[in-house]
Amino acid sequence: MTRAIKLGISCGNTLQAGVGARAAALRLLDRSIRFGHCRLAAIRFVMAAEFGAVITPDLVRYCEDAAATCNDASLSQSFAAALKGLFTVVQPPPLRTEDCQ
């Protein structure tokens, strides 16, 4: 799984590598949660968010609680930034009037 993530990082964002990296990041996140590794789950949440993985509200809640209980300021900041990035909507550029003709 970590090999797929490393491949996704080193391949220059090719579509296949990116899909593999997102899937691997989610599997690692699920595994951390299943084994009760709270701090590691929060770290892997940040990684999954950076890769653009689809993160469910349940994962957000679990990792939010995990990051809060870790008492690690750096991890809390990274988690908050990743969470903000998940919910930031990118606005398309406005249409120019000459494009509508």
PDB file of N, CA and C in Angstrom:
ATOM      1  N   MET A   1       0.812  -1.186   0.000  1.00  0.00           N
ATOM      2  CA  MET A   1       0.000   0.000   0.000  1.00  0.00           C
ATOM      3  C   MET A   1       0.864   1.261   0.000  1.00  0.00           C
ATOM      4  N   THR A   2       1.895   1.253   0.819  1.00  0.00           N
ATOM      5  CA  THR A   2       2.755   2.443   0.846  1.00  0.00           C
ATOM      6  C   THR A   2       3.495   2.591  -0.471  1.00  0.00           C
ATOM      7  N   ARG A   3       3.742   1.484  -1.151  1.00  0.00           N
ATOM      8  CA  ARG A   3       4.399   1.552  -2.453  1.00  0.00           C
ATOM      9  C   ARG A   3       3.518   2.309  -3.451  1.00  0.00           C
ATOM     10  N   ALA A   4       2.205   2.080  -3.395  1.00  0.00           N
ATOM     11  CA  ALA A   4       1.291   2.791  -4.294  1.00  0.00           C
ATOM     12  C   ALA A   4       1.294   4.283  -4.003  1.00  0.00           C
ATOM     13  N   ILE A   5       1.404   4.635  -2.740  1.00  0.00           N
ATOM     14  CA  ILE A   5       1.463   6.058  -2.382  1.00  0.00           C
ATOM     15  C   ILE A   5       2.751   6.670  -2.900  1.00  0.00           C
ATOM     16  N   LYS A   6       3.862   5.993  -2.690  1.00  0.00           N
ATOM     17  CA  LYS A   6       5.138   6.518  -3.171  1.00  0.00           C
ATOM     18  C   LYS A   6       5.138   6.634  -4.691  1.00  0.00           C
ATOM     19  N   LEU A   7       4.528   5.665  -5.364  1.00  0.00           N
ATOM     20  CA  LEU A   7       4.434   5.711  -6.817  1.00  0.00           C
ATOM     21  C   LEU A   7       3.609   6.916  -7.250  1.00  0.00           C
ATOM     22  N   GLY A   8       2.526   7.179  -6.535  1.00  0.00           N
ATOM     23  CA  GLY A   8       1.687   8.337  -6.843  1.00  0.00           C
ATOM     24  C   GLY A   8       2.419   9.646  -6.665  1.00  0.00           C
ATOM     25  N   ILE A   9       3.319   9.695  -5.709  1.00  0.00           N
ATOM     26  CA  ILE A   9       4.093  10.912  -5.464  1.00  0.00           C
ATOM     27  C   ILE A   9       5.152  11.094  -6.541  1.00  0.00           C
ATOM     28  N   SER A  10       5.810  10.011  -6.921  1.00  0.00           N
ATOM     29  CA  SER A  10       6.963  10.131  -7.814  1.00  0.00           C
ATOM     30  C   SER A  10       6.612  10.132  -9.296  1.00  0.00           C
ATOM     31  N   CYS A  11       5.404   9.789  -9.670  1.00  0.00           N
ATOM     32  CA  CYS A  11       5.063   9.672 -11.091  1.00  0.00           C
ATOM     33  C   CYS A  11       4.565  10.957 -11.717  1.00  0.00           C
ATOM     34  N   GLY A  12       4.646  12.036 -11.021  1.00  0.00           N
ATOM     35  CA  GLY A  12       4.235  13.295 -11.621  1.00  0.00           C
ATOM     36  C   GLY A  12       2.739  13.381 -11.853  1.00  0.00           C
ATOM     37  N   ASN A  13       1.967  12.826 -10.945  1.00  0.00           N
ATOM     38  CA  ASN A  13       0.515  12.928 -10.986  1.00  0.00           C
ATOM     39  C   ASN A  13      -0.128  12.286 -12.207  1.00  0.00           C
ATOM     40  N   THR A  14       0.392  11.164 -12.685  1.00  0.00           N
ATOM     41  CA  THR A  14      -0.312  10.465 -13.747  1.00  0.00           C
ATOM     42  C   THR A  14      -1.623   9.950 -13.176  1.00  0.00           C
ATOM     43  N   LEU A  15      -2.631   9.824 -14.019  1.00  0.00           N
ATOM     44  CA  LEU A  15      -3.969   9.457 -13.562  1.00  0.00           C
ATOM     45  C   LEU A  15      -3.968   8.125 -12.821  1.00  0.00           C
ATOM     46  N   GLN A  16      -3.340   7.112 -13.363  1.00  0.00           N
ATOM     47  CA  GLN A  16      -3.334   5.788 -12.745  1.00  0.00           C
ATOM     48  C   GLN A  16      -2.608   5.799 -11.401  1.00  0.00           C
ATOM     49  N   ALA A  17      -1.478   6.475 -11.328  1.00  0.00           N
ATOM     50  CA  ALA A  17      -0.729   6.550 -10.072  1.00  0.00           C
ATOM     51  C   ALA A  17      -1.527   7.309  -9.028  1.00  0.00           C
ATOM     52  N   GLY A  18      -2.214   8.368  -9.439  1.00  0.00           N
ATOM     53  CA  GLY A  18      -3.019   9.145  -8.503  1.00  0.00           C
ATOM     54  C   GLY A  18      -4.170   8.341  -7.925  1.00  0.00           C
ATOM     55  N   VAL A  19      -4.833   7.562  -8.770  1.00  0.00           N
ATOM     56  CA  VAL A  19      -5.934   6.711  -8.305  1.00  0.00           C
ATOM     57  C   VAL A  19      -5.417   5.671  -7.335  1.00  0.00           C
ATOM     58  N   GLY A  20      -4.281   5.071  -7.650  1.00  0.00           N
ATOM     59  CA  GLY A  20      -3.683   4.069  -6.764  1.00  0.00           C
ATOM     60  C   GLY A  20      -3.267   4.665  -5.430  1.00  0.00           C
ATOM     61  N   ALA A  21      -2.710   5.860  -5.481  1.00  0.00           N
ATOM     62  CA  ALA A  21      -2.271   6.521  -4.252  1.00  0.00           C
ATOM     63  C   ALA A  21      -3.463   6.862  -3.369  1.00  0.00           C
ATOM     64  N   ARG A  22      -4.555   7.349  -3.970  1.00  0.00           N
ATOM     65  CA  ARG A  22      -5.759   7.664  -3.178  1.00  0.00           C
ATOM     66  C   ARG A  22      -6.343   6.414  -2.539  1.00  0.00           C
ATOM     67  N   ALA A  23      -6.420   5.338  -3.304  1.00  0.00           N
ATOM     68  CA  ALA A  23      -6.970   4.086  -2.774  1.00  0.00           C
ATOM     69  C   ALA A  23      -6.096   3.542  -1.645  1.00  0.00           C
ATOM     70  N   ALA A  24      -4.775   3.582  -1.836  1.00  0.00           N
ATOM     71  CA  ALA A  24      -3.856   3.087  -0.810  1.00  0.00           C
ATOM     72  C   ALA A  24      -3.932   3.940   0.449  1.00  0.00           C
ATOM     73  N   ALA A  25      -4.031   5.252   0.281  1.00  0.00           N
ATOM     74  CA  ALA A  25      -4.119   6.147   1.438  1.00  0.00           C
ATOM     75  C   ALA A  25      -5.382   5.853   2.250  1.00  0.00           C
ATOM     76  N   LEU A  26      -6.498   5.596   1.564  1.00  0.00           N
ATOM     77  CA  LEU A  26      -7.738   5.263   2.276  1.00  0.00           C
ATOM     78  C   LEU A  26      -7.645   3.908   2.970  1.00  0.00           C
ATOM     79  N   ARG A  27      -7.013   2.934   2.320  1.00  0.00           N
ATOM     80  CA  ARG A  27      -6.854   1.618   2.967  1.00  0.00           C
ATOM     81  C   ARG A  27      -5.990   1.727   4.221  1.00  0.00           C
ATOM     82  N   LEU A  28      -4.914   2.497   4.135  1.00  0.00           N
ATOM     83  CA  LEU A  28      -4.060   2.687   5.307  1.00  0.00           C
ATOM     84  C   LEU A  28      -4.797   3.429   6.416  1.00  0.00           C
ATOM     85  N   LEU A  29      -5.607   4.416   6.050  1.00  0.00           N
ATOM     86  CA  LEU A  29      -6.405   5.138   7.038  1.00  0.00           C
ATOM     87  C   LEU A  29      -7.396   4.195   7.717  1.00  0.00           C
ATOM     88  N   ASP A  30      -8.094   3.388   6.926  1.00  0.00           N
ATOM     89  CA  ASP A  30      -9.035   2.417   7.501  1.00  0.00           C
ATOM     90  C   ASP A  30      -8.326   1.438   8.432  1.00  0.00           C
ATOM     91  N   ARG A  31      -7.167   0.995   8.027  1.00  0.00           N
ATOM     92  CA  ARG A  31      -6.399   0.053   8.853  1.00  0.00           C
ATOM     93  C   ARG A  31      -6.000   0.682  10.189  1.00  0.00           C
ATOM     94  N   SER A  32      -5.554   1.942  10.149  1.00  0.00           N
ATOM     95  CA  SER A  32      -5.173   2.629  11.382  1.00  0.00           C
ATOM     96  C   SER A  32      -6.361   2.751  12.328  1.00  0.00           C
ATOM     97  N   ILE A  33      -7.519   3.060  11.774  1.00  0.00           N
ATOM     98  CA  ILE A  33      -8.733   3.169  12.595  1.00  0.00           C
ATOM     99  C   ILE A  33      -9.105   1.819  13.175  1.00  0.00           C
ATOM    100  N   ARG A  34      -9.072   0.789  12.346  1.00  0.00           N
ATOM    101  CA  ARG A  34      -9.441  -0.563  12.790  1.00  0.00           C
ATOM    102  C   ARG A  34      -8.565  -1.041  13.946  1.00  0.00           C
ATOM    103  N   PHE A  35      -7.277  -0.699  13.909  1.00  0.00           N
ATOM    104  CA  PHE A  35      -6.364  -1.124  14.962  1.00  0.00           C
ATOM    105  C   PHE A  35      -6.276  -0.133  16.115  1.00  0.00           C
ATOM    106  N   GLY A  36      -7.038   0.946  16.056  1.00  0.00           N
ATOM    107  CA  GLY A  36      -7.083   1.901  17.154  1.00  0.00           C
ATOM    108  C   GLY A  36      -5.875   2.811  17.261  1.00  0.00           C
ATOM    109  N   HIS A  37      -5.185   3.017  16.160  1.00  0.00           N
ATOM    110  CA  HIS A  37      -4.021   3.896  16.159  1.00  0.00           C
ATOM    111  C   HIS A  37      -4.479   5.317  15.843  1.00  0.00           C
ATOM    112  N   CYS A  38      -4.900   6.028  16.864  1.00  0.00           N
ATOM    113  CA  CYS A  38      -5.538   7.337  16.692  1.00  0.00           C
ATOM    114  C   CYS A  38      -4.612   8.356  16.031  1.00  0.00           C
ATOM    115  N   ARG A  39      -3.413   8.500  16.553  1.00  0.00           N
ATOM    116  CA  ARG A  39      -2.493   9.510  16.013  1.00  0.00           C
ATOM    117  C   ARG A  39      -2.133   9.186  14.568  1.00  0.00           C
ATOM    118  N   LEU A  40      -1.857   7.927  14.297  1.00  0.00           N
ATOM    119  CA  LEU A  40      -1.518   7.504  12.944  1.00  0.00           C
ATOM    120  C   LEU A  40      -2.706   7.710  11.998  1.00  0.00           C
ATOM    121  N   ALA A  41      -3.916   7.487  12.493  1.00  0.00           N
ATOM    122  CA  ALA A  41      -5.113   7.714  11.673  1.00  0.00           C
ATOM    123  C   ALA A  41      -5.216   9.185  11.285  1.00  0.00           C
ATOM    124  N   ALA A  42      -4.938  10.076  12.216  1.00  0.00           N
ATOM    125  CA  ALA A  42      -4.999  11.508  11.914  1.00  0.00           C
ATOM    126  C   ALA A  42      -3.942  11.885  10.875  1.00  0.00           C
ATOM    127  N   ILE A  43      -2.757  11.312  10.982  1.00  0.00           N
ATOM    128  CA  ILE A  43      -1.693  11.571  10.010  1.00  0.00           C
ATOM    129  C   ILE A  43      -2.099  11.045   8.636  1.00  0.00           C
ATOM    130  N   ARG A  44      -2.664   9.854   8.618  1.00  0.00           N
ATOM    131  CA  ARG A  44      -3.073   9.259   7.338  1.00  0.00           C
ATOM    132  C   ARG A  44      -4.285   9.967   6.744  1.00  0.00           C
ATOM    133  N   PHE A  45      -5.108  10.567   7.590  1.00  0.00           N
ATOM    134  CA  PHE A  45      -6.207  11.397   7.102  1.00  0.00           C
ATOM    135  C   PHE A  45      -5.649  12.562   6.301  1.00  0.00           C
ATOM    136  N   VAL A  46      -4.626  13.193   6.853  1.00  0.00           N
ATOM    137  CA  VAL A  46      -3.997  14.328   6.173  1.00  0.00           C
ATOM    138  C   VAL A  46      -3.437  13.880   4.826  1.00  0.00           C
ATOM    139  N   MET A  47      -2.771  12.736   4.800  1.00  0.00           N
ATOM    140  CA  MET A  47      -2.221  12.217   3.548  1.00  0.00           C
ATOM    141  C   MET A  47      -3.319  11.932   2.534  1.00  0.00           C
ATOM    142  N   ALA A  48      -4.393  11.271   2.980  1.00  0.00           N
ATOM    143  CA  ALA A  48      -5.493  10.938   2.071  1.00  0.00           C
ATOM    144  C   ALA A  48      -6.127  12.205   1.510  1.00  0.00           C
ATOM    145  N   ALA A  49      -6.279  13.211   2.343  1.00  0.00           N
ATOM    146  CA  ALA A  49      -6.857  14.475   1.883  1.00  0.00           C
ATOM    147  C   ALA A  49      -5.943  15.143   0.860  1.00  0.00           C
ATOM    148  N   GLU A  50      -4.643  15.084   1.085  1.00  0.00           N
ATOM    149  CA  GLU A  50      -3.694  15.681   0.144  1.00  0.00           C
ATOM    150  C   GLU A  50      -3.731  14.998  -1.214  1.00  0.00           C
ATOM    151  N   PHE A  51      -4.020  13.694  -1.224  1.00  0.00           N
ATOM    152  CA  PHE A  51      -4.112  12.950  -2.477  1.00  0.00           C
ATOM    153  C   PHE A  51      -5.467  13.100  -3.147  1.00  0.00           C
ATOM    154  N   GLY A  52      -6.401  13.766  -2.465  1.00  0.00           N
ATOM    155  CA  GLY A  52      -7.721  13.977  -3.057  1.00  0.00           C
ATOM    156  C   GLY A  52      -8.660  12.800  -2.908  1.00  0.00           C
ATOM    157  N   ALA A  53      -8.432  11.965  -1.907  1.00  0.00           N
ATOM    158  CA  ALA A  53      -9.305  10.817  -1.670  1.00  0.00           C
ATOM    159  C   ALA A  53     -10.682  11.288  -1.191  1.00  0.00           C
ATOM    160  N   VAL A  54     -11.694  10.493  -1.487  1.00  0.00           N
ATOM    161  CA  VAL A  54     -13.050  10.793  -1.028  1.00  0.00           C
ATOM    162  C   VAL A  54     -13.144  10.326   0.423  1.00  0.00           C
ATOM    163  N   ILE A  55     -13.333  11.261   1.315  1.00  0.00           N
ATOM    164  CA  ILE A  55     -13.338  10.966   2.749  1.00  0.00           C
ATOM    165  C   ILE A  55     -14.750  11.128   3.295  1.00  0.00           C
ATOM    166  N   THR A  56     -15.226  10.105   3.963  1.00  0.00           N
ATOM    167  CA  THR A  56     -16.592  10.099   4.486  1.00  0.00           C
ATOM    168  C   THR A  56     -16.684  10.902   5.786  1.00  0.00           C
ATOM    169  N   PRO A  57     -17.889  11.349   6.134  1.00  0.00           N
ATOM    170  CA  PRO A  57     -18.063  12.074   7.396  1.00  0.00           C
ATOM    171  C   PRO A  57     -17.652  11.253   8.624  1.00  0.00           C
ATOM    172  N   ASP A  58     -17.833   9.930   8.579  1.00  0.00           N
ATOM    173  CA  ASP A  58     -17.411   9.090   9.709  1.00  0.00           C
ATOM    174  C   ASP A  58     -15.904   9.157   9.920  1.00  0.00           C
ATOM    175  N   LEU A  59     -15.150   9.138   8.820  1.00  0.00           N
ATOM    176  CA  LEU A  59     -13.692   9.239   8.927  1.00  0.00           C
ATOM    177  C   LEU A  59     -13.296  10.612   9.460  1.00  0.00           C
ATOM    178  N   VAL A  60     -13.999  11.639   9.025  1.00  0.00           N
ATOM    179  CA  VAL A  60     -13.708  12.994   9.506  1.00  0.00           C
ATOM    180  C   VAL A  60     -13.919  13.067  11.014  1.00  0.00           C
ATOM    181  N   ARG A  61     -15.060  12.556  11.484  1.00  0.00           N
ATOM    182  CA  ARG A  61     -15.361  12.610  12.926  1.00  0.00           C
ATOM    183  C   ARG A  61     -14.325  11.851  13.742  1.00  0.00           C
ATOM    184  N   TYR A  62     -13.988  10.635  13.309  1.00  0.00           N
ATOM    185  CA  TYR A  62     -13.020   9.831  14.057  1.00  0.00           C
ATOM    186  C   TYR A  62     -11.671  10.543  14.124  1.00  0.00           C
ATOM    187  N   CYS A  63     -11.205  11.019  12.980  1.00  0.00           N
ATOM    188  CA  CYS A  63      -9.877  11.640  12.937  1.00  0.00           C
ATOM    189  C   CYS A  63      -9.870  12.999  13.621  1.00  0.00           C
ATOM    190  N   GLU A  64     -10.987  13.687  13.611  1.00  0.00           N
ATOM    191  CA  GLU A  64     -11.082  14.960  14.331  1.00  0.00           C
ATOM    192  C   GLU A  64     -10.927  14.717  15.833  1.00  0.00           C
ATOM    193  N   ASP A  65     -11.618  13.697  16.343  1.00  0.00           N
ATOM    194  CA  ASP A  65     -11.471  13.340  17.758  1.00  0.00           C
ATOM    195  C   ASP A  65     -10.044  12.883  18.066  1.00  0.00           C
ATOM    196  N   ALA A  66      -9.469  12.095  17.147  1.00  0.00           N
ATOM    197  CA  ALA A  66      -8.111  11.592  17.346  1.00  0.00           C
ATOM    198  C   ALA A  66      -7.105  12.737  17.393  1.00  0.00           C
ATOM    199  N   ALA A  67      -7.231  13.676  16.482  1.00  0.00           N
ATOM    200  CA  ALA A  67      -6.301  14.807  16.456  1.00  0.00           C
ATOM    201  C   ALA A  67      -6.445  15.664  17.707  1.00  0.00           C
ATOM    202  N   ALA A  68      -7.668  15.787  18.205  1.00  0.00           N
ATOM    203  CA  ALA A  68      -7.902  16.603  19.404  1.00  0.00           C
ATOM    204  C   ALA A  68      -7.318  15.950  20.655  1.00  0.00           C
ATOM    205  N   THR A  69      -7.350  14.629  20.723  1.00  0.00           N
ATOM    206  CA  THR A  69      -6.853  13.936  21.918  1.00  0.00           C
ATOM    207  C   THR A  69      -5.343  13.746  21.916  1.00  0.00           C
ATOM    208  N   CYS A  70      -4.685  13.959  20.801  1.00  0.00           N
ATOM    209  CA  CYS A  70      -3.234  13.729  20.713  1.00  0.00           C
ATOM    210  C   CYS A  70      -2.403  14.808  21.397  1.00  0.00           C
ATOM    211  N   ASN A  71      -2.959  15.983  21.592  1.00  0.00           N
ATOM    212  CA  ASN A  71      -2.223  17.099  22.183  1.00  0.00           C
ATOM    213  C   ASN A  71      -0.939  17.398  21.418  1.00  0.00           C
ATOM    214  N   ASP A  72      -1.042  17.346  20.089  1.00  0.00           N
ATOM    215  CA  ASP A  72       0.093  17.653  19.212  1.00  0.00           C
ATOM    216  C   ASP A  72      -0.332  18.832  18.346  1.00  0.00           C
ATOM    217  N   ALA A  73       0.234  19.999  18.615  1.00  0.00           N
ATOM    218  CA  ALA A  73      -0.177  21.223  17.918  1.00  0.00           C
ATOM    219  C   ALA A  73       0.066  21.123  16.418  1.00  0.00           C
ATOM    220  N   SER A  74       1.189  20.546  16.043  1.00  0.00           N
ATOM    221  CA  SER A  74       1.517  20.421  14.626  1.00  0.00           C
ATOM    222  C   SER A  74       0.511  19.526  13.906  1.00  0.00           C
ATOM    223  N   LEU A  75       0.158  18.417  14.540  1.00  0.00           N
ATOM    224  CA  LEU A  75      -0.818  17.498  13.951  1.00  0.00           C
ATOM    225  C   LEU A  75      -2.189  18.161  13.866  1.00  0.00           C
ATOM    226  N   SER A  76      -2.567  18.895  14.893  1.00  0.00           N
ATOM    227  CA  SER A  76      -3.859  19.592  14.879  1.00  0.00           C
ATOM    228  C   SER A  76      -3.910  20.619  13.756  1.00  0.00           C
ATOM    229  N   GLN A  77      -2.819  21.341  13.540  1.00  0.00           N
ATOM    230  CA  GLN A  77      -2.769  22.325  12.458  1.00  0.00           C
ATOM    231  C   GLN A  77      -2.840  21.646  11.097  1.00  0.00           C
ATOM    232  N   SER A  78      -2.116  20.546  10.938  1.00  0.00           N
ATOM    233  CA  SER A  78      -2.144  19.812   9.669  1.00  0.00           C
ATOM    234  C   SER A  78      -3.531  19.261   9.397  1.00  0.00           C
ATOM    235  N   PHE A  79      -4.170  18.725  10.441  1.00  0.00           N
ATOM    236  CA  PHE A  79      -5.522  18.191  10.289  1.00  0.00           C
ATOM    237  C   PHE A  79      -6.491  19.300   9.909  1.00  0.00           C
ATOM    238  N   ALA A  80      -6.403  20.431  10.587  1.00  0.00           N
ATOM    239  CA  ALA A  80      -7.305  21.551  10.293  1.00  0.00           C
ATOM    240  C   ALA A  80      -7.122  22.040   8.863  1.00  0.00           C
ATOM    241  N   ALA A  81      -5.890  22.109   8.399  1.00  0.00           N
ATOM    242  CA  ALA A  81      -5.628  22.543   7.026  1.00  0.00           C
ATOM    243  C   ALA A  81      -6.183  21.540   6.023  1.00  0.00           C
ATOM    244  N   ALA A  82      -6.007  20.243   6.304  1.00  0.00           N
ATOM    245  CA  ALA A  82      -6.537  19.215   5.408  1.00  0.00           C
ATOM    246  C   ALA A  82      -8.056  19.259   5.378  1.00  0.00           C
ATOM    247  N   LEU A  83      -8.658  19.455   6.531  1.00  0.00           N
ATOM    248  CA  LEU A  83     -10.112  19.523   6.617  1.00  0.00           C
ATOM    249  C   LEU A  83     -10.633  20.738   5.856  1.00  0.00           C
ATOM    250  N   LYS A  84      -9.961  21.853   6.004  1.00  0.00           N
ATOM    251  CA  LYS A  84     -10.356  23.067   5.286  1.00  0.00           C
ATOM    252  C   LYS A  84     -10.236  22.845   3.783  1.00  0.00           C
ATOM    253  N   GLY A  85      -9.183  22.165   3.368  1.00  0.00           N
ATOM    254  CA  GLY A  85      -8.989  21.874   1.950  1.00  0.00           C
ATOM    255  C   GLY A  85     -10.061  20.977   1.373  1.00  0.00           C
ATOM    256  N   LEU A  86     -10.612  20.086   2.197  1.00  0.00           N
ATOM    257  CA  LEU A  86     -11.670  19.201   1.726  1.00  0.00           C
ATOM    258  C   LEU A  86     -12.943  19.969   1.400  1.00  0.00           C
ATOM    259  N   PHE A  87     -13.198  21.024   2.147  1.00  0.00           N
ATOM    260  CA  PHE A  87     -14.455  21.731   2.005  1.00  0.00           C
ATOM    261  C   PHE A  87     -14.321  23.086   1.314  1.00  0.00           C
ATOM    262  N   THR A  88     -13.158  23.341   0.738  1.00  0.00           N
ATOM    263  CA  THR A  88     -12.974  24.580  -0.014  1.00  0.00           C
ATOM    264  C   THR A  88     -13.471  24.350  -1.436  1.00  0.00           C
ATOM    265  N   VAL A  89     -14.413  25.158  -1.835  1.00  0.00           N
ATOM    266  CA  VAL A  89     -14.978  25.037  -3.173  1.00  0.00           C
ATOM    267  C   VAL A  89     -14.240  26.007  -4.091  1.00  0.00           C
ATOM    268  N   VAL A  90     -13.716  25.464  -5.151  1.00  0.00           N
ATOM    269  CA  VAL A  90     -13.016  26.290  -6.118  1.00  0.00           C
ATOM    270  C   VAL A  90     -14.052  26.845  -7.089  1.00  0.00           C
ATOM    271  N   GLN A  91     -14.122  28.153  -7.182  1.00  0.00           N
ATOM    272  CA  GLN A  91     -15.080  28.801  -8.068  1.00  0.00           C
ATOM    273  C   GLN A  91     -14.518  28.838  -9.486  1.00  0.00           C
ATOM    274  N   PRO A  92     -15.340  28.475 -10.467  1.00  0.00           N
ATOM    275  CA  PRO A  92     -14.871  28.596 -11.846  1.00  0.00           C
ATOM    276  C   PRO A  92     -14.749  30.065 -12.221  1.00  0.00           C
ATOM    277  N   PRO A  93     -13.912  30.377 -13.176  1.00  0.00           N
ATOM    278  CA  PRO A  93     -13.780  31.776 -13.580  1.00  0.00           C
ATOM    279  C   PRO A  93     -15.080  32.259 -14.203  1.00  0.00           C
ATOM    280  N   PRO A  94     -15.404  33.520 -14.058  1.00  0.00           N
ATOM    281  CA  PRO A  94     -16.646  34.035 -14.625  1.00  0.00           C
ATOM    282  C   PRO A  94     -16.597  33.996 -16.150  1.00  0.00           C
ATOM    283  N   LEU A  95     -17.751  33.784 -16.754  1.00  0.00           N
ATOM    284  CA  LEU A  95     -17.838  33.776 -18.211  1.00  0.00           C
ATOM    285  C   LEU A  95     -17.684  35.190 -18.731  1.00  0.00           C
ATOM    286  N   ARG A  96     -16.959  35.310 -19.794  1.00  0.00           N
ATOM    287  CA  ARG A  96     -16.863  36.600 -20.452  1.00  0.00           C
ATOM    288  C   ARG A  96     -18.026  36.689 -21.439  1.00  0.00           C
ATOM    289  N   THR A  97     -18.498  37.845 -21.671  1.00  0.00           N
ATOM    290  CA  THR A  97     -19.655  38.011 -22.559  1.00  0.00           C
ATOM    291  C   THR A  97     -19.349  37.553 -23.975  1.00  0.00           C
ATOM    292  N   GLU A  98     -18.109  37.673 -24.416  1.00  0.00           N
ATOM    293  CA  GLU A  98     -17.785  37.213 -25.773  1.00  0.00           C
ATOM    294  C   GLU A  98     -17.792  35.697 -25.889  1.00  0.00           C
ATOM    295  N   ASP A  99     -17.701  34.968 -24.726  1.00  0.00           N
ATOM    296  CA  ASP A  99     -17.769  33.506 -24.750  1.00  0.00           C
ATOM    297  C   ASP A  99     -19.190  33.019 -24.980  1.00  0.00           C
ATOM    298  N   CYS A 100     -20.183  33.840 -24.741  1.00  0.00           N
ATOM    299  CA  CYS A 100     -21.578  33.418 -24.802  1.00  0.00           C
ATOM    300  C   CYS A 100     -22.179  33.564 -26.194  1.00  0.00           C
ATOM    301  N   GLN A 101     -21.464  34.103 -27.121  1.00  0.00           N
ATOM    302  CA  GLN A 101     -22.051  34.337 -28.448  1.00  0.00           C
ATOM    303  C   GLN A 101     -21.830  33.206 -29.385  1.00  0.00           C
TER     304      GLN A 101
END
